[in-house]
Amino acid sequence: MKEREQVSDIEIHRLSPADLPARLEGMRDVYRAVFCAEPWNEDETAAERYLERLDADRRRDGFAVTVAENDDVLGFAVAWTTPSVFPTTRSYARVAAIVGAERTEAWLCGAREVDELAVRPGVRGAGVGRALLAAATDDAPSGRCWLLTSAHVDLAVRFYERAGWHRLGTDDSGLTVFVGPRHPAVNDPSAAR
């Protein structure tokens, strides 16, 4: 089943697992246009590796993909439910160090985790990223959603702040953890800003 929302002449679709294969080539092209360019500067093979990772990630609990498209995929968001035992692979250990063990368990475990958000450069500024982010997180239980980005990418940090997301903290490498606008941590006085 697809959930749809109009953004200009661009439609936002929440994909079912059966819908995903038809969008993979477009998602790869968007990934390449965003992350293999300034300011991310990943190598050209990163887009292929992302599709391999996406194939493994689709088995995660709560896995969801939202795409923005007209005739082509113009952007996408990928999210899932963070496990109740916080992982230690990828950047998770660094996230736990930023947030703290107790708050990680309370605020991030069981929350909607936005793993990737990408919008083609030519359609930025039209509300596509914000619509993708909302479609990926609006149904998060109790508003509990989170993501990470790099503090070194001002464009990303400013985007999340304008979208109402709140910074929990940043480590020495620039890894920055944000929680969504309705996340309970937003009103917790112990949350860093």
Protein backbone atom coordinates (compact mmCIF):
# COMPACT_ATOMS: atom_id res chain seq x y z
CA MET A 1 0.00 0.00 0.00
CA LYS A 2 1.31 3.46 -0.88
CA GLU A 3 0.62 6.58 1.11
CA ARG A 4 0.66 9.67 -1.11
CA GLU A 5 1.02 13.36 -0.55
CA GLN A 6 1.38 16.10 -3.18
CA VAL A 7 4.34 18.45 -3.06
CA SER A 8 4.07 20.70 -6.10
CA ASP A 9 4.06 18.29 -9.07
CA ILE A 10 6.14 15.81 -7.07
CA GLU A 11 4.45 12.92 -5.26
CA ILE A 12 5.67 11.42 -2.00
CA HIS A 13 5.13 7.65 -1.75
CA ARG A 14 5.66 5.33 1.21
CA LEU A 15 6.73 2.14 -0.53
CA SER A 16 5.74 -1.39 0.26
CA PRO A 17 8.55 -3.97 0.10
CA ALA A 18 7.16 -5.10 -3.27
CA ASP A 19 7.47 -1.54 -4.66
CA LEU A 20 11.13 -1.12 -3.72
CA PRO A 21 12.86 -3.05 -6.55
CA ALA A 22 11.33 -0.80 -9.23
CA ARG A 23 12.83 2.28 -7.49
CA LEU A 24 16.35 0.98 -6.76
CA GLU A 25 17.97 2.35 -9.91
CA GLY A 26 16.49 5.79 -9.27
CA MET A 27 17.53 5.68 -5.62
CA ARG A 28 21.07 4.76 -6.66
CA ASP A 29 21.15 7.72 -9.04
CA VAL A 30 19.91 10.09 -6.32
CA TYR A 31 22.45 8.69 -3.85
CA ARG A 32 25.23 9.26 -6.38
CA ALA A 33 24.06 12.81 -7.17
CA VAL A 34 23.98 13.72 -3.47
CA PHE A 35 26.72 11.78 -1.71
CA CYS A 36 29.33 11.45 -4.48
CA ALA A 37 29.38 15.24 -4.82
CA GLU A 38 30.31 18.17 -2.58
CA PRO A 39 30.19 18.30 0.41
CA TRP A 40 30.04 14.52 1.08
CA ASN A 41 32.59 13.48 -1.59
CA GLU A 42 32.06 9.72 -1.46
CA ASP A 43 33.68 7.75 -4.28
CA GLU A 44 31.58 6.69 -7.27
CA THR A 45 31.24 3.09 -6.05
CA ALA A 46 29.48 4.28 -2.89
CA ALA A 47 26.09 4.26 -4.62
CA GLU A 48 26.43 0.58 -5.52
CA ARG A 49 27.56 -0.24 -1.98
CA TYR A 50 24.54 1.68 -0.67
CA LEU A 51 22.17 -0.56 -2.64
CA GLU A 52 23.91 -3.62 -1.18
CA ARG A 53 23.52 -2.18 2.31
CA LEU A 54 19.88 -1.30 1.57
CA ASP A 55 19.24 -4.93 0.61
CA ALA A 56 20.48 -6.02 4.05
CA ASP A 57 18.76 -3.16 5.88
CA ARG A 58 15.34 -4.03 4.42
CA ARG A 59 15.26 -6.93 6.87
CA ARG A 60 15.32 -4.56 9.85
CA ASP A 61 12.26 -4.22 12.04
CA GLY A 62 10.06 -1.34 10.93
CA PHE A 63 11.99 -0.83 7.66
CA ALA A 64 10.33 1.85 5.50
CA VAL A 65 11.28 3.68 2.32
CA THR A 66 9.66 6.90 1.18
CA VAL A 67 10.37 8.33 -2.27
CA ALA A 68 9.71 11.64 -3.98
CA GLU A 69 9.04 11.24 -7.65
CA ASN A 70 7.44 12.55 -10.77
CA ASP A 71 8.65 10.52 -13.76
CA ASP A 72 11.92 9.81 -11.91
CA VAL A 73 12.98 9.29 -8.31
CA LEU A 74 13.94 12.75 -7.06
CA GLY A 75 14.63 11.90 -3.44
CA PHE A 76 14.20 9.26 -0.78
CA ALA A 77 14.20 8.61 2.94
CA VAL A 78 14.97 5.27 4.58
CA ALA A 79 14.06 4.54 8.18
CA TRP A 80 13.54 1.65 10.59
CA THR A 81 12.98 0.92 14.25
CA THR A 82 16.12 1.06 16.38
CA PRO A 83 16.47 -2.28 18.23
CA SER A 84 15.71 -2.44 21.95
CA VAL A 85 19.33 -3.46 22.54
CA PHE A 86 21.24 -0.58 21.02
CA PRO A 87 23.65 -1.85 18.32
CA THR A 88 27.40 -1.34 18.44
CA THR A 89 28.08 -1.66 14.70
CA ARG A 90 28.45 1.19 12.20
CA SER A 91 28.26 4.54 14.07
CA TYR A 92 26.06 3.31 16.91
CA ALA A 93 28.81 3.16 19.55
CA ARG A 94 29.69 6.79 18.80
CA VAL A 95 26.01 7.78 19.00
CA ALA A 96 25.74 6.09 22.42
CA ALA A 97 28.83 7.96 23.58
CA ILE A 98 27.30 11.29 22.51
CA VAL A 99 23.88 10.65 24.04
CA GLY A 100 24.91 8.57 27.09
CA ALA A 101 23.92 4.99 27.88
CA GLU A 102 20.79 5.74 29.92
CA ARG A 103 19.42 8.33 27.49
CA THR A 104 20.29 6.14 24.50
CA GLU A 105 18.14 3.36 25.91
CA ALA A 106 15.29 5.71 26.87
CA TRP A 107 15.33 7.98 23.84
CA LEU A 108 16.66 5.98 20.89
CA CYS A 109 15.88 2.29 21.45
CA GLY A 110 12.51 1.51 19.88
CA ALA A 111 12.44 4.89 18.12
CA ARG A 112 12.19 5.52 14.36
CA GLU A 113 15.72 5.91 13.05
CA VAL A 114 16.18 7.85 9.83
CA ASP A 115 19.16 6.22 8.17
CA GLU A 116 19.26 8.17 4.91
CA LEU A 117 17.65 11.25 3.42
CA ALA A 118 18.67 12.41 -0.05
CA VAL A 119 17.17 14.89 -2.52
CA ARG A 120 18.51 15.61 -6.00
CA PRO A 121 20.21 19.02 -6.05
CA GLY A 122 17.90 20.31 -8.81
CA VAL A 123 14.76 20.00 -6.67
CA ARG A 124 16.08 21.24 -3.34
CA GLY A 125 14.32 24.18 -1.79
CA ALA A 126 10.87 23.01 -2.96
CA GLY A 127 9.97 21.27 0.32
CA VAL A 128 10.81 17.79 -0.94
CA GLY A 129 13.30 16.97 1.83
CA ARG A 130 10.95 18.20 4.52
CA ALA A 131 8.06 16.18 3.02
CA LEU A 132 10.21 13.04 2.84
CA LEU A 133 11.38 13.49 6.41
CA ALA A 134 7.81 14.01 7.63
CA ALA A 135 6.49 11.00 5.69
CA ALA A 136 9.24 8.83 7.17
CA THR A 137 8.66 9.98 10.77
CA ASP A 138 5.15 11.36 11.30
CA ASP A 139 3.84 8.03 12.54
CA ALA A 140 6.78 7.41 14.90
CA PRO A 141 5.40 6.21 18.25
CA SER A 142 5.18 9.14 20.69
CA GLY A 143 7.12 11.24 18.17
CA ARG A 144 10.27 9.29 18.97
CA CYS A 145 12.55 9.60 15.93
CA TRP A 146 16.21 10.39 15.48
CA LEU A 147 19.01 10.64 12.94
CA LEU A 148 22.65 11.50 12.64
CA THR A 149 24.57 13.74 10.30
CA SER A 150 27.89 15.53 10.13
CA ALA A 151 28.35 18.89 11.83
CA HIS A 152 30.83 19.63 9.02
CA VAL A 153 27.99 19.77 6.49
CA ASP A 154 26.33 23.08 7.35
CA LEU A 155 23.63 22.57 4.72
CA ALA A 156 22.43 19.38 6.44
CA VAL A 157 22.59 20.82 9.96
CA ARG A 158 20.65 23.95 8.94
CA PHE A 159 18.06 21.83 7.10
CA TYR A 160 17.32 19.68 10.16
CA GLU A 161 17.19 22.70 12.46
CA ARG A 162 14.77 24.53 10.12
CA ALA A 163 12.64 21.36 10.01
CA GLY A 164 12.33 21.57 13.82
CA TRP A 165 14.78 18.85 14.74
CA HIS A 166 16.87 19.27 17.91
CA ARG A 167 20.56 18.55 18.31
CA LEU A 168 21.42 16.22 21.19
CA GLY A 169 25.15 16.50 20.75
CA THR A 170 28.20 16.26 18.54
CA ASP A 171 31.42 14.29 19.00
CA ASP A 172 34.97 15.37 18.15
CA SER A 173 34.67 13.97 14.61
CA GLY A 174 31.54 16.03 13.92
CA LEU A 175 29.03 13.18 14.18
CA THR A 176 25.82 14.92 15.29
CA VAL A 177 22.68 13.32 16.73
CA PHE A 178 19.29 14.96 16.18
CA VAL A 179 15.86 14.04 17.54
CA GLY A 180 12.58 14.92 15.88
CA PRO A 181 10.39 17.90 16.80
CA ARG A 182 7.93 15.80 18.87
CA HIS A 183 10.53 13.57 20.55
CA PRO A 184 10.15 13.50 24.37
CA ALA A 185 13.83 14.51 24.72
CA VAL A 186 12.92 17.94 23.34
CA ASN A 187 11.28 18.84 26.65
CA ASP A 188 13.84 17.07 28.84
CA PRO A 189 16.05 19.62 30.61
CA SER A 190 18.99 17.19 30.59
CA ALA A 191 19.09 17.09 26.76
CA ALA A 192 22.02 19.02 25.28
CA ARG A 193 21.25 21.68 22.68
